[in-house]
């Protein structure tokens, strides 16, 4: 193995290590944000539970307690819906960051591979152009597969976004209708 090959291998290993570190940082940042969201939700749930219990204990009869309970349920449903929407947004953002890192790394690798194939084919002996053509074909096929995977992942994320929006709107409407019905009683 010649010195330039060792240098190229070392550079490739360094680049891979940098990508892995970036992926780990991205994952930890996502986990940290989810933990913060969970702690805030738990704190809010505890405060709401204590406040709701105190309110219910002040009810004078069963009908008033039932009315208070349905009134107290609406904000809790809204909070749960908001929690899941925020959780989904955090997960989606983390997934996008990971996907962007992977795309960037793949594009760099692809460019380096293309450059290496072109350099090798230029100095290849007779018949080497067949090997270079095969390598270019494999690289093209892997690029198309990666592009297809990326497009499919983005389509799935778009579908999931639309479903979350529809579910959030439906939940908000149902909570509003239930609140209005409870207020009429």
C-alpha atoms as a PDB file:
ATOM      1  CA  UNK A   1       0.000   0.000   0.000  1.00  0.00           C
ATOM      2  CA  UNK A   2       1.439   3.354  -0.950  1.00  0.00           C
ATOM      3  CA  UNK A   3       1.613   6.366   1.292  1.00  0.00           C
ATOM      4  CA  UNK A   4      -1.212   8.258  -0.516  1.00  0.00           C
ATOM      5  CA  UNK A   5      -3.497   5.246   0.028  1.00  0.00           C
ATOM      6  CA  UNK A   6      -2.739   5.215   3.758  1.00  0.00           C
ATOM      7  CA  UNK A   7      -3.392   8.943   3.916  1.00  0.00           C
ATOM      8  CA  UNK A   8      -6.701   8.497   2.084  1.00  0.00           C
ATOM      9  CA  UNK A   9      -7.696   5.679   4.424  1.00  0.00           C
ATOM     10  CA  UNK A  10      -6.790   7.772   7.459  1.00  0.00           C
ATOM     11  CA  UNK A  11      -8.770  10.732   6.111  1.00  0.00           C
ATOM     12  CA  UNK A  12     -11.780   8.499   5.430  1.00  0.00           C
ATOM     13  CA  UNK A  13     -11.622   7.057   8.962  1.00  0.00           C
ATOM     14  CA  UNK A  14     -11.414  10.559  10.413  1.00  0.00           C
ATOM     15  CA  UNK A  15     -14.402  11.707   8.345  1.00  0.00           C
ATOM     16  CA  UNK A  16     -16.426   8.674   9.455  1.00  0.00           C
ATOM     17  CA  UNK A  17     -15.540   9.328  13.095  1.00  0.00           C
ATOM     18  CA  UNK A  18     -16.634  12.968  12.742  1.00  0.00           C
ATOM     19  CA  UNK A  19     -19.975  11.884  11.267  1.00  0.00           C
ATOM     20  CA  UNK A  20     -20.506   9.395  14.094  1.00  0.00           C
ATOM     21  CA  UNK A  21     -19.732  12.063  16.700  1.00  0.00           C
ATOM     22  CA  UNK A  22     -22.176  14.446  15.005  1.00  0.00           C
ATOM     23  CA  UNK A  23     -24.855  11.719  14.962  1.00  0.00           C
ATOM     24  CA  UNK A  24     -24.302  10.948  18.650  1.00  0.00           C
ATOM     25  CA  UNK A  25     -24.512  14.665  19.533  1.00  0.00           C
ATOM     26  CA  UNK A  26     -27.718  14.994  17.524  1.00  0.00           C
ATOM     27  CA  UNK A  27     -29.240  11.964  19.238  1.00  0.00           C
ATOM     28  CA  UNK A  28     -28.260  13.183  22.714  1.00  0.00           C
ATOM     29  CA  UNK A  29     -29.648  16.653  21.998  1.00  0.00           C
ATOM     30  CA  UNK A  30     -32.931  15.052  20.919  1.00  0.00           C
ATOM     31  CA  UNK A  31     -33.061  12.881  24.045  1.00  0.00           C
ATOM     32  CA  UNK A  32     -32.284  15.912  26.208  1.00  0.00           C
ATOM     33  CA  UNK A  33     -35.144  17.908  24.658  1.00  0.00           C
ATOM     34  CA  UNK A  34     -37.550  14.994  25.131  1.00  0.00           C
ATOM     35  CA  UNK A  35     -36.474  14.651  28.775  1.00  0.00           C
ATOM     36  CA  UNK A  36     -37.106  18.386  29.296  1.00  0.00           C
ATOM     37  CA  UNK A  37     -40.536  18.042  27.688  1.00  0.00           C
ATOM     38  CA  UNK A  38     -41.350  15.034  29.896  1.00  0.00           C
ATOM     39  CA  UNK A  39     -40.271  16.827  33.084  1.00  0.00           C
ATOM     40  CA  UNK A  40     -42.316  19.902  32.186  1.00  0.00           C
ATOM     41  CA  UNK A  41     -45.334  17.717  31.402  1.00  0.00           C
ATOM     42  CA  UNK A  42     -44.975  15.782  34.669  1.00  0.00           C
ATOM     43  CA  UNK A  43     -44.686  19.027  36.659  1.00  0.00           C
ATOM     44  CA  UNK A  44     -47.722  20.468  34.895  1.00  0.00           C
ATOM     45  CA  UNK A  45     -49.705  17.250  35.415  1.00  0.00           C
ATOM     46  CA  UNK A  46     -48.888  17.247  39.132  1.00  0.00           C
ATOM     47  CA  UNK A  47     -49.891  20.897  39.534  1.00  0.00           C
ATOM     48  CA  UNK A  48     -53.112  20.360  37.559  1.00  0.00           C
ATOM     49  CA  UNK A  49     -53.965  17.266  39.601  1.00  0.00           C
ATOM     50  CA  UNK A  50     -53.500  19.050  42.903  1.00  0.00           C
ATOM     51  CA  UNK A  51     -55.473  22.080  41.735  1.00  0.00           C
ATOM     52  CA  UNK A  52     -58.230  19.924  40.246  1.00  0.00           C
ATOM     53  CA  UNK A  53     -58.520  17.828  43.396  1.00  0.00           C
ATOM     54  CA  UNK A  54     -58.823  20.949  45.529  1.00  0.00           C
ATOM     55  CA  UNK A  55     -61.499  22.319  43.192  1.00  0.00           C
ATOM     56  CA  UNK A  56     -63.468  19.053  43.237  1.00  0.00           C
ATOM     57  CA  UNK A  57     -63.277  18.887  47.025  1.00  0.00           C
ATOM     58  CA  UNK A  58     -65.050  22.244  47.140  1.00  0.00           C
ATOM     59  CA  UNK A  59     -68.093  20.881  45.276  1.00  0.00           C
ATOM     60  CA  UNK A  60     -71.288  20.980  47.275  1.00  0.00           C
ATOM     61  CA  UNK A  61     -73.087  18.092  45.565  1.00  0.00           C
ATOM     62  CA  UNK A  62     -72.649  15.345  42.967  1.00  0.00           C
ATOM     63  CA  UNK A  63     -74.002  17.421  40.081  1.00  0.00           C
ATOM     64  CA  UNK A  64     -71.588  20.249  40.793  1.00  0.00           C
ATOM     65  CA  UNK A  65     -68.721  17.753  41.076  1.00  0.00           C
ATOM     66  CA  UNK A  66     -69.645  16.196  37.708  1.00  0.00           C
ATOM     67  CA  UNK A  67     -69.822  19.614  36.079  1.00  0.00           C
ATOM     68  CA  UNK A  68     -66.488  20.630  37.602  1.00  0.00           C
ATOM     69  CA  UNK A  69     -64.902  17.367  36.493  1.00  0.00           C
ATOM     70  CA  UNK A  70     -65.940  17.843  32.864  1.00  0.00           C
ATOM     71  CA  UNK A  71     -64.768  21.465  33.004  1.00  0.00           C
ATOM     72  CA  UNK A  72     -61.407  20.360  34.398  1.00  0.00           C
ATOM     73  CA  UNK A  73     -61.033  17.634  31.761  1.00  0.00           C
ATOM     74  CA  UNK A  74     -60.882  20.010  28.778  1.00  0.00           C
ATOM     75  CA  UNK A  75     -57.595  21.726  29.680  1.00  0.00           C
ATOM     76  CA  UNK A  76     -56.044  18.338  30.489  1.00  0.00           C
ATOM     77  CA  UNK A  77     -57.029  16.938  27.086  1.00  0.00           C
ATOM     78  CA  UNK A  78     -55.623  20.023  25.425  1.00  0.00           C
ATOM     79  CA  UNK A  79     -52.383  19.610  27.386  1.00  0.00           C
ATOM     80  CA  UNK A  80     -52.090  15.948  26.399  1.00  0.00           C
ATOM     81  CA  UNK A  81     -52.687  16.853  22.756  1.00  0.00           C
ATOM     82  CA  UNK A  82     -50.084  19.622  22.953  1.00  0.00           C
ATOM     83  CA  UNK A  83     -47.628  17.255  24.667  1.00  0.00           C
ATOM     84  CA  UNK A  84     -47.914  14.650  21.909  1.00  0.00           C
ATOM     85  CA  UNK A  85     -47.687  17.326  19.218  1.00  0.00           C
ATOM     86  CA  UNK A  86     -44.506  18.708  20.827  1.00  0.00           C
ATOM     87  CA  UNK A  87     -43.087  15.205  21.235  1.00  0.00           C
ATOM     88  CA  UNK A  88     -43.767  14.467  17.596  1.00  0.00           C
ATOM     89  CA  UNK A  89     -42.145  17.750  16.532  1.00  0.00           C
ATOM     90  CA  UNK A  90     -39.022  16.986  18.594  1.00  0.00           C
ATOM     91  CA  UNK A  91     -38.719  13.496  17.145  1.00  0.00           C
ATOM     92  CA  UNK A  92     -39.294  14.785  13.616  1.00  0.00           C
ATOM     93  CA  UNK A  93     -36.682  17.531  14.045  1.00  0.00           C
ATOM     94  CA  UNK A  94     -34.136  15.033  15.360  1.00  0.00           C
ATOM     95  CA  UNK A  95     -34.883  12.656  12.497  1.00  0.00           C
ATOM     96  CA  UNK A  96     -34.423  15.507  10.003  1.00  0.00           C
ATOM     97  CA  UNK A  97     -31.059  16.426  11.520  1.00  0.00           C
ATOM     98  CA  UNK A  98     -29.885  12.811  11.348  1.00  0.00           C
ATOM     99  CA  UNK A  99     -31.125  12.468   7.769  1.00  0.00           C
ATOM    100  CA  UNK A 100     -29.406  15.712   6.753  1.00  0.00           C
ATOM    101  CA  UNK A 101     -26.125  14.528   8.294  1.00  0.00           C
ATOM    102  CA  UNK A 102     -26.383  11.199   6.518  1.00  0.00           C
ATOM    103  CA  UNK A 103     -27.222  12.852   3.186  1.00  0.00           C
ATOM    104  CA  UNK A 104     -24.315  15.238   3.525  1.00  0.00           C
ATOM    105  CA  UNK A 105     -21.911  12.402   4.377  1.00  0.00           C
ATOM    106  CA  UNK A 106     -23.219  10.217   1.560  1.00  0.00           C
ATOM    107  CA  UNK A 107     -22.854  13.058  -0.944  1.00  0.00           C
ATOM    108  CA  UNK A 108     -19.252  13.628   0.157  1.00  0.00           C
ATOM    109  CA  UNK A 109     -18.480   9.920  -0.127  1.00  0.00           C
ATOM    110  CA  UNK A 110     -20.112   9.782  -3.541  1.00  0.00           C
ATOM    111  CA  UNK A 111     -18.086  12.731  -4.801  1.00  0.00           C
ATOM    112  CA  UNK A 112     -14.856  11.199  -3.494  1.00  0.00           C
ATOM    113  CA  UNK A 113     -15.697   7.836  -5.056  1.00  0.00           C
ATOM    114  CA  UNK A 114     -16.465   9.456  -8.397  1.00  0.00           C
ATOM    115  CA  UNK A 115     -13.190  11.353  -8.279  1.00  0.00           C
ATOM    116  CA  UNK A 116     -11.245   8.211  -7.353  1.00  0.00           C
ATOM    117  CA  UNK A 117     -12.883   6.217 -10.173  1.00  0.00           C
ATOM    118  CA  UNK A 118     -12.037   8.928 -12.701  1.00  0.00           C
ATOM    119  CA  UNK A 119      -8.414   9.156 -11.515  1.00  0.00           C
ATOM    120  CA  UNK A 120      -8.015   5.394 -11.531  1.00  0.00           C
ATOM    121  CA  UNK A 121      -9.586   4.946 -14.966  1.00  0.00           C
ATOM    122  CA  UNK A 122      -7.328   7.633 -16.440  1.00  0.00           C
ATOM    123  CA  UNK A 123      -4.216   5.729 -15.421  1.00  0.00           C
ATOM    124  CA  UNK A 124      -5.616   2.206 -15.786  1.00  0.00           C
ATOM    125  CA  UNK A 125      -4.055  -0.294 -18.170  1.00  0.00           C
ATOM    126  CA  UNK A 126      -5.915  -1.584 -21.213  1.00  0.00           C
ATOM    127  CA  UNK A 127      -9.264  -3.033 -20.163  1.00  0.00           C
ATOM    128  CA  UNK A 128      -9.358  -0.945 -16.980  1.00  0.00           C
ATOM    129  CA  UNK A 129     -12.070   1.201 -18.476  1.00  0.00           C
ATOM    130  CA  UNK A 130     -14.461  -1.756 -18.189  1.00  0.00           C
ATOM    131  CA  UNK A 131     -13.832  -1.945 -14.441  1.00  0.00           C
ATOM    132  CA  UNK A 132     -14.231   1.832 -14.146  1.00  0.00           C
ATOM    133  CA  UNK A 133     -17.521   1.680 -16.054  1.00  0.00           C
ATOM    134  CA  UNK A 134     -18.753  -1.072 -13.728  1.00  0.00           C
ATOM    135  CA  UNK A 135     -17.752   0.985 -10.685  1.00  0.00           C
ATOM    136  CA  UNK A 136     -19.518   4.066 -12.086  1.00  0.00           C
ATOM    137  CA  UNK A 137     -22.614   1.968 -12.731  1.00  0.00           C
ATOM    138  CA  UNK A 138     -22.588   0.623  -9.151  1.00  0.00           C
ATOM    139  CA  UNK A 139     -22.099   4.123  -7.767  1.00  0.00           C
ATOM    140  CA  UNK A 140     -24.950   5.435  -9.901  1.00  0.00           C
ATOM    141  CA  UNK A 141     -27.243   2.624  -8.737  1.00  0.00           C
ATOM    142  CA  UNK A 142     -26.400   3.231  -5.077  1.00  0.00           C
ATOM    143  CA  UNK A 143     -26.973   6.969  -5.513  1.00  0.00           C
ATOM    144  CA  UNK A 144     -30.369   6.323  -7.100  1.00  0.00           C
ATOM    145  CA  UNK A 145     -31.285   3.938  -4.278  1.00  0.00           C
ATOM    146  CA  UNK A 146     -30.203   6.460  -1.651  1.00  0.00           C
ATOM    147  CA  UNK A 147     -32.150   9.236  -3.384  1.00  0.00           C
ATOM    148  CA  UNK A 148     -35.219   7.004  -3.574  1.00  0.00           C
ATOM    149  CA  UNK A 149     -34.900   6.143   0.125  1.00  0.00           C
ATOM    150  CA  UNK A 150     -34.534   9.828   1.016  1.00  0.00           C
ATOM    151  CA  UNK A 151     -37.586  10.822  -1.036  1.00  0.00           C
ATOM    152  CA  UNK A 152     -39.625   8.016   0.485  1.00  0.00           C
ATOM    153  CA  UNK A 153     -38.597   9.026   4.018  1.00  0.00           C
ATOM    154  CA  UNK A 154     -39.593  12.638   3.305  1.00  0.00           C
ATOM    155  CA  UNK A 155     -42.951  11.516   1.902  1.00  0.00           C
ATOM    156  CA  UNK A 156     -43.574   9.413   5.009  1.00  0.00           C
ATOM    157  CA  UNK A 157     -42.703  12.390   7.220  1.00  0.00           C
ATOM    158  CA  UNK A 158     -45.092  14.603   5.229  1.00  0.00           C
ATOM    159  CA  UNK A 159     -47.875  12.026   5.614  1.00  0.00           C
ATOM    160  CA  UNK A 160     -47.206  11.758   9.337  1.00  0.00           C
ATOM    161  CA  UNK A 161     -47.240  15.567   9.649  1.00  0.00           C
ATOM    162  CA  UNK A 162     -50.605  15.719   7.910  1.00  0.00           C
ATOM    163  CA  UNK A 163     -52.000  12.951  10.126  1.00  0.00           C
ATOM    164  CA  UNK A 164     -50.816  14.697  13.298  1.00  0.00           C
ATOM    165  CA  UNK A 165     -52.411  17.945  12.147  1.00  0.00           C
ATOM    166  CA  UNK A 166     -55.715  16.204  11.379  1.00  0.00           C
ATOM    167  CA  UNK A 167     -55.680  14.333  14.695  1.00  0.00           C
ATOM    168  CA  UNK A 168     -54.873  17.519  16.627  1.00  0.00           C
ATOM    169  CA  UNK A 169     -57.696  19.422  14.948  1.00  0.00           C
ATOM    170  CA  UNK A 170     -60.155  16.570  15.522  1.00  0.00           C
ATOM    171  CA  UNK A 171     -59.168  16.336  19.185  1.00  0.00           C
ATOM    172  CA  UNK A 172     -59.498  20.095  19.641  1.00  0.00           C
ATOM    173  CA  UNK A 173     -62.968  20.045  18.064  1.00  0.00           C
ATOM    174  CA  UNK A 174     -64.058  17.073  20.189  1.00  0.00           C
ATOM    175  CA  UNK A 175     -62.806  18.725  23.374  1.00  0.00           C
ATOM    176  CA  UNK A 176     -64.580  21.952  22.442  1.00  0.00           C
ATOM    177  CA  UNK A 177     -67.843  20.121  21.750  1.00  0.00           C
ATOM    178  CA  UNK A 178     -67.610  18.150  24.999  1.00  0.00           C
ATOM    179  CA  UNK A 179     -66.943  21.348  26.946  1.00  0.00           C
ATOM    180  CA  UNK A 180     -69.927  23.087  25.415  1.00  0.00           C
ATOM    181  CA  UNK A 181     -72.137  20.093  26.154  1.00  0.00           C
ATOM    182  CA  UNK A 182     -70.937  19.959  29.754  1.00  0.00           C
ATOM    183  CA  UNK A 183     -71.487  23.694  30.214  1.00  0.00           C
ATOM    184  CA  UNK A 184     -75.111  23.351  29.060  1.00  0.00           C
ATOM    185  CA  UNK A 185     -75.863  20.784  31.761  1.00  0.00           C
END
